[in-house]
Amino acid sequence: DEDLKISLYDKDGFLLCEDYDGERKPFIRRGDGDFNSGEGHKLERDQEKHKVEVLKRMFGNEYFYGLGETTGHINKKGYSYIGWNSDNP
C-alpha cells in the first residue's frame, strides 16, 4: 500500500510544487498548550498517524504565509497545524 506523491512542473520542466518524500523529523511541541486551550482548541498529544496527511517540499528560501489564522506570526514555516472544516472548537 504505497502513498500517493504528486509533483507539478511548468511547460519548461521547472518544478512548481512537490509532495515531500523524505525522512520525517518528529514534531516538537513548543510550550504546554495553555494558550491553545485558553482559546478553546484541543491538542492531540499522542496521535501517531493521521488518516490523510499532505506534506509539501519547501526549498530553503521559501516562506509559508497564512492559513486563515487571526493570531500568531504571519510566517507559518516550521509550525505544524491540523485543519478543520468548522470554527466550532
N, C-alpha and C. Protein backbone atom coordinates (compact mmCIF):
# COMPACT_ATOMS: atom_id res chain seq x y z
N ASP A 1 0.85 -1.18 0.00
CA ASP A 1 0.00 0.00 0.00
C ASP A 1 0.90 1.24 0.00
N GLU A 2 1.18 1.80 -1.17
CA GLU A 2 2.07 2.94 -1.28
C GLU A 2 1.33 4.25 -1.12
N ASP A 3 2.05 5.25 -0.65
CA ASP A 3 1.49 6.59 -0.54
C ASP A 3 1.51 7.26 -1.91
N LEU A 4 0.52 8.08 -2.18
CA LEU A 4 0.45 8.83 -3.42
C LEU A 4 1.26 10.11 -3.27
N LYS A 5 2.19 10.35 -4.19
CA LYS A 5 3.01 11.57 -4.19
C LYS A 5 2.84 12.24 -5.55
N ILE A 6 2.72 13.57 -5.55
CA ILE A 6 2.50 14.32 -6.78
C ILE A 6 3.54 15.42 -6.91
N SER A 7 4.06 15.59 -8.14
CA SER A 7 4.96 16.70 -8.46
C SER A 7 4.37 17.46 -9.64
N LEU A 8 4.41 18.79 -9.60
CA LEU A 8 3.88 19.62 -10.67
C LEU A 8 5.01 20.43 -11.29
N TYR A 9 5.06 20.43 -12.63
CA TYR A 9 6.09 21.16 -13.38
C TYR A 9 5.42 22.09 -14.37
N ASP A 10 6.11 23.18 -14.74
CA ASP A 10 5.58 24.03 -15.80
C ASP A 10 5.95 23.44 -17.15
N LYS A 11 5.57 24.10 -18.24
CA LYS A 11 5.80 23.55 -19.58
C LYS A 11 7.27 23.43 -19.94
N ASP A 12 8.16 24.14 -19.21
CA ASP A 12 9.60 24.06 -19.47
C ASP A 12 10.30 23.07 -18.56
N GLY A 13 9.54 22.34 -17.74
CA GLY A 13 10.11 21.34 -16.86
C GLY A 13 10.59 21.88 -15.52
N PHE A 14 10.24 23.13 -15.19
CA PHE A 14 10.62 23.73 -13.91
C PHE A 14 9.66 23.24 -12.82
N LEU A 15 10.22 22.73 -11.73
CA LEU A 15 9.42 22.21 -10.63
C LEU A 15 8.66 23.35 -9.95
N LEU A 16 7.34 23.22 -9.87
CA LEU A 16 6.49 24.24 -9.23
C LEU A 16 6.08 23.84 -7.83
N CYS A 17 5.72 22.59 -7.65
CA CYS A 17 5.20 22.12 -6.37
C CYS A 17 5.44 20.61 -6.30
N GLU A 18 5.84 20.14 -5.12
CA GLU A 18 6.16 18.72 -5.00
C GLU A 18 5.78 18.22 -3.61
N ASP A 19 5.22 17.03 -3.54
CA ASP A 19 4.96 16.41 -2.25
C ASP A 19 6.29 15.97 -1.64
N TYR A 20 6.42 16.15 -0.34
CA TYR A 20 7.64 15.78 0.38
C TYR A 20 7.71 14.26 0.50
N ASP A 21 8.85 13.70 0.15
CA ASP A 21 9.01 12.24 0.18
C ASP A 21 10.23 11.83 1.00
N GLY A 22 10.76 12.75 1.79
CA GLY A 22 11.96 12.46 2.57
C GLY A 22 11.65 11.96 3.97
N GLU A 23 12.67 11.89 4.76
CA GLU A 23 12.54 11.42 6.13
C GLU A 23 11.83 12.48 6.97
N ARG A 24 10.93 12.04 7.82
CA ARG A 24 10.19 12.95 8.71
C ARG A 24 10.95 13.15 10.00
N LYS A 25 11.03 14.37 10.45
CA LYS A 25 11.58 14.67 11.76
C LYS A 25 10.41 14.76 12.73
N PRO A 26 10.58 14.27 13.94
CA PRO A 26 9.45 14.33 14.88
C PRO A 26 9.09 15.77 15.21
N PHE A 27 7.79 16.01 15.36
CA PHE A 27 7.30 17.34 15.72
C PHE A 27 7.55 17.56 17.20
N ILE A 28 8.17 18.68 17.53
CA ILE A 28 8.43 19.04 18.92
C ILE A 28 7.50 20.20 19.27
N ARG A 29 6.55 19.93 20.16
CA ARG A 29 5.57 20.95 20.54
C ARG A 29 6.24 21.98 21.45
N ARG A 30 6.03 23.25 21.13
CA ARG A 30 6.56 24.34 21.94
C ARG A 30 5.52 24.73 22.98
N GLY A 31 5.93 24.91 24.20
CA GLY A 31 5.02 25.33 25.25
C GLY A 31 4.18 24.18 25.78
N ASP A 32 3.30 24.51 26.72
CA ASP A 32 2.49 23.47 27.37
C ASP A 32 1.06 23.41 26.86
N GLY A 33 0.69 24.29 25.93
CA GLY A 33 -0.64 24.24 25.35
C GLY A 33 -1.68 25.09 26.06
N ASP A 34 -1.29 25.79 27.13
CA ASP A 34 -2.26 26.61 27.86
C ASP A 34 -2.87 27.70 26.98
N PHE A 35 -2.05 28.30 26.12
CA PHE A 35 -2.55 29.34 25.22
C PHE A 35 -3.62 28.78 24.30
N ASN A 36 -3.36 27.60 23.72
CA ASN A 36 -4.31 26.99 22.79
C ASN A 36 -5.61 26.61 23.48
N SER A 37 -5.50 25.97 24.63
CA SER A 37 -6.72 25.55 25.32
C SER A 37 -7.49 26.77 25.84
N GLY A 38 -6.79 27.87 26.13
CA GLY A 38 -7.46 29.10 26.52
C GLY A 38 -8.31 29.68 25.40
N GLU A 39 -7.97 29.35 24.16
CA GLU A 39 -8.76 29.80 23.00
C GLU A 39 -9.79 28.75 22.58
N GLY A 40 -9.90 27.66 23.33
CA GLY A 40 -10.91 26.66 23.04
C GLY A 40 -10.46 25.54 22.12
N HIS A 41 -9.15 25.42 21.88
CA HIS A 41 -8.64 24.37 21.00
C HIS A 41 -8.15 23.18 21.81
N LYS A 42 -8.41 21.99 21.31
CA LYS A 42 -7.95 20.76 21.96
C LYS A 42 -6.68 20.28 21.26
N LEU A 43 -5.64 19.99 22.01
CA LEU A 43 -4.39 19.50 21.44
C LEU A 43 -4.32 17.99 21.57
N GLU A 44 -4.09 17.32 20.46
CA GLU A 44 -3.90 15.88 20.46
C GLU A 44 -2.42 15.62 20.70
N ARG A 45 -2.07 15.04 21.80
CA ARG A 45 -0.66 14.87 22.15
C ARG A 45 -0.07 13.54 21.71
N ASP A 46 -0.86 12.50 21.66
CA ASP A 46 -0.31 11.17 21.39
C ASP A 46 -0.82 10.58 20.09
N GLN A 47 -1.07 11.40 19.11
CA GLN A 47 -1.59 10.92 17.84
C GLN A 47 -0.43 10.47 16.97
N GLU A 48 -0.34 9.18 16.68
CA GLU A 48 0.79 8.62 15.94
C GLU A 48 0.69 8.84 14.45
N LYS A 49 -0.46 8.56 13.85
CA LYS A 49 -0.59 8.63 12.40
C LYS A 49 -1.95 9.20 12.03
N HIS A 50 -1.95 10.10 11.07
CA HIS A 50 -3.19 10.69 10.58
C HIS A 50 -3.73 9.87 9.41
N LYS A 51 -5.03 9.88 9.22
CA LYS A 51 -5.62 9.15 8.10
C LYS A 51 -5.26 9.80 6.78
N VAL A 52 -5.32 11.12 6.71
CA VAL A 52 -4.96 11.85 5.50
C VAL A 52 -3.94 12.91 5.89
N GLU A 53 -2.83 12.92 5.19
CA GLU A 53 -1.76 13.86 5.53
C GLU A 53 -1.11 14.33 4.24
N VAL A 54 -0.95 15.64 4.08
CA VAL A 54 -0.32 16.20 2.89
C VAL A 54 0.92 16.97 3.34
N LEU A 55 2.06 16.57 2.83
CA LEU A 55 3.32 17.24 3.15
C LEU A 55 3.93 17.76 1.87
N LYS A 56 4.25 19.04 1.82
CA LYS A 56 4.84 19.65 0.64
C LYS A 56 6.31 19.94 0.89
N ARG A 57 7.10 19.75 -0.15
CA ARG A 57 8.52 20.07 -0.07
C ARG A 57 8.67 21.59 -0.14
N MET A 58 9.50 22.14 0.74
CA MET A 58 9.79 23.57 0.72
C MET A 58 11.28 23.75 0.53
N PHE A 59 11.63 24.67 -0.32
CA PHE A 59 13.04 24.98 -0.54
C PHE A 59 13.49 25.94 0.56
N GLY A 60 14.78 26.02 0.82
CA GLY A 60 15.30 26.79 1.94
C GLY A 60 14.93 28.26 1.96
N ASN A 61 14.72 28.86 0.80
CA ASN A 61 14.45 30.30 0.75
C ASN A 61 12.95 30.62 0.65
N GLU A 62 12.08 29.66 0.91
CA GLU A 62 10.64 29.88 0.80
C GLU A 62 10.02 30.10 2.17
N TYR A 63 8.90 30.81 2.16
CA TYR A 63 8.14 31.05 3.38
C TYR A 63 6.72 30.55 3.16
N PHE A 64 6.00 30.32 4.25
CA PHE A 64 4.64 29.82 4.17
C PHE A 64 3.75 30.81 4.91
N TYR A 65 2.90 31.52 4.17
CA TYR A 65 2.10 32.58 4.76
C TYR A 65 0.64 32.20 4.89
N GLY A 66 0.10 32.52 6.06
CA GLY A 66 -1.33 32.41 6.30
C GLY A 66 -1.87 31.00 6.35
N LEU A 67 -2.95 30.83 6.95
CA LEU A 67 -3.75 29.61 6.98
C LEU A 67 -5.15 29.97 7.46
N GLY A 68 -5.45 31.26 7.41
CA GLY A 68 -6.73 31.72 7.91
C GLY A 68 -6.71 32.03 9.40
N GLU A 69 -5.57 31.86 10.05
CA GLU A 69 -5.46 32.14 11.48
C GLU A 69 -5.46 33.65 11.71
N THR A 70 -6.04 34.09 12.79
CA THR A 70 -6.06 35.52 13.10
C THR A 70 -5.07 35.87 14.20
N THR A 71 -4.35 34.89 14.72
CA THR A 71 -3.37 35.15 15.78
C THR A 71 -2.02 34.57 15.37
N GLY A 72 -0.98 35.01 16.04
CA GLY A 72 0.35 34.46 15.81
C GLY A 72 1.07 35.14 14.66
N HIS A 73 2.28 34.65 14.39
CA HIS A 73 3.11 35.20 13.33
C HIS A 73 2.51 34.88 11.97
N ILE A 74 2.73 35.76 10.99
CA ILE A 74 2.18 35.55 9.65
C ILE A 74 2.94 34.45 8.91
N ASN A 75 4.24 34.30 9.15
CA ASN A 75 5.03 33.25 8.51
C ASN A 75 4.86 31.96 9.30
N LYS A 76 4.20 30.98 8.71
CA LYS A 76 3.88 29.73 9.40
C LYS A 76 4.91 28.63 9.16
N LYS A 77 6.02 28.94 8.48
CA LYS A 77 7.04 27.94 8.19
C LYS A 77 7.62 27.41 9.51
N GLY A 78 7.74 26.08 9.61
CA GLY A 78 8.30 25.45 10.79
C GLY A 78 7.27 25.08 11.84
N TYR A 79 6.01 25.39 11.62
CA TYR A 79 4.95 25.05 12.56
C TYR A 79 4.12 23.90 12.00
N SER A 80 3.38 23.25 12.85
CA SER A 80 2.51 22.15 12.45
C SER A 80 1.07 22.54 12.78
N TYR A 81 0.16 22.29 11.85
CA TYR A 81 -1.24 22.64 12.03
C TYR A 81 -2.14 21.49 11.65
N ILE A 82 -3.27 21.42 12.32
CA ILE A 82 -4.32 20.47 11.96
C ILE A 82 -5.50 21.30 11.47
N GLY A 83 -5.93 21.07 10.24
CA GLY A 83 -7.04 21.82 9.67
C GLY A 83 -8.37 21.19 10.03
N TRP A 84 -9.39 22.01 10.15
CA TRP A 84 -10.73 21.51 10.38
C TRP A 84 -11.69 22.31 9.52
N ASN A 85 -12.90 21.83 9.38
CA ASN A 85 -13.85 22.49 8.48
C ASN A 85 -14.93 23.24 9.24
N SER A 86 -14.65 23.64 10.46
CA SER A 86 -15.62 24.38 11.26
C SER A 86 -14.87 25.30 12.22
N ASP A 87 -15.48 26.42 12.57
CA ASP A 87 -14.89 27.30 13.58
C ASP A 87 -15.40 26.96 14.97
N ASN A 88 -16.17 25.91 15.10
CA ASN A 88 -16.71 25.49 16.38
C ASN A 88 -15.68 24.61 17.08
N PRO A 89 -14.98 25.11 18.13
CA PRO A 89 -13.95 24.28 18.79
C PRO A 89 -14.57 23.14 19.47
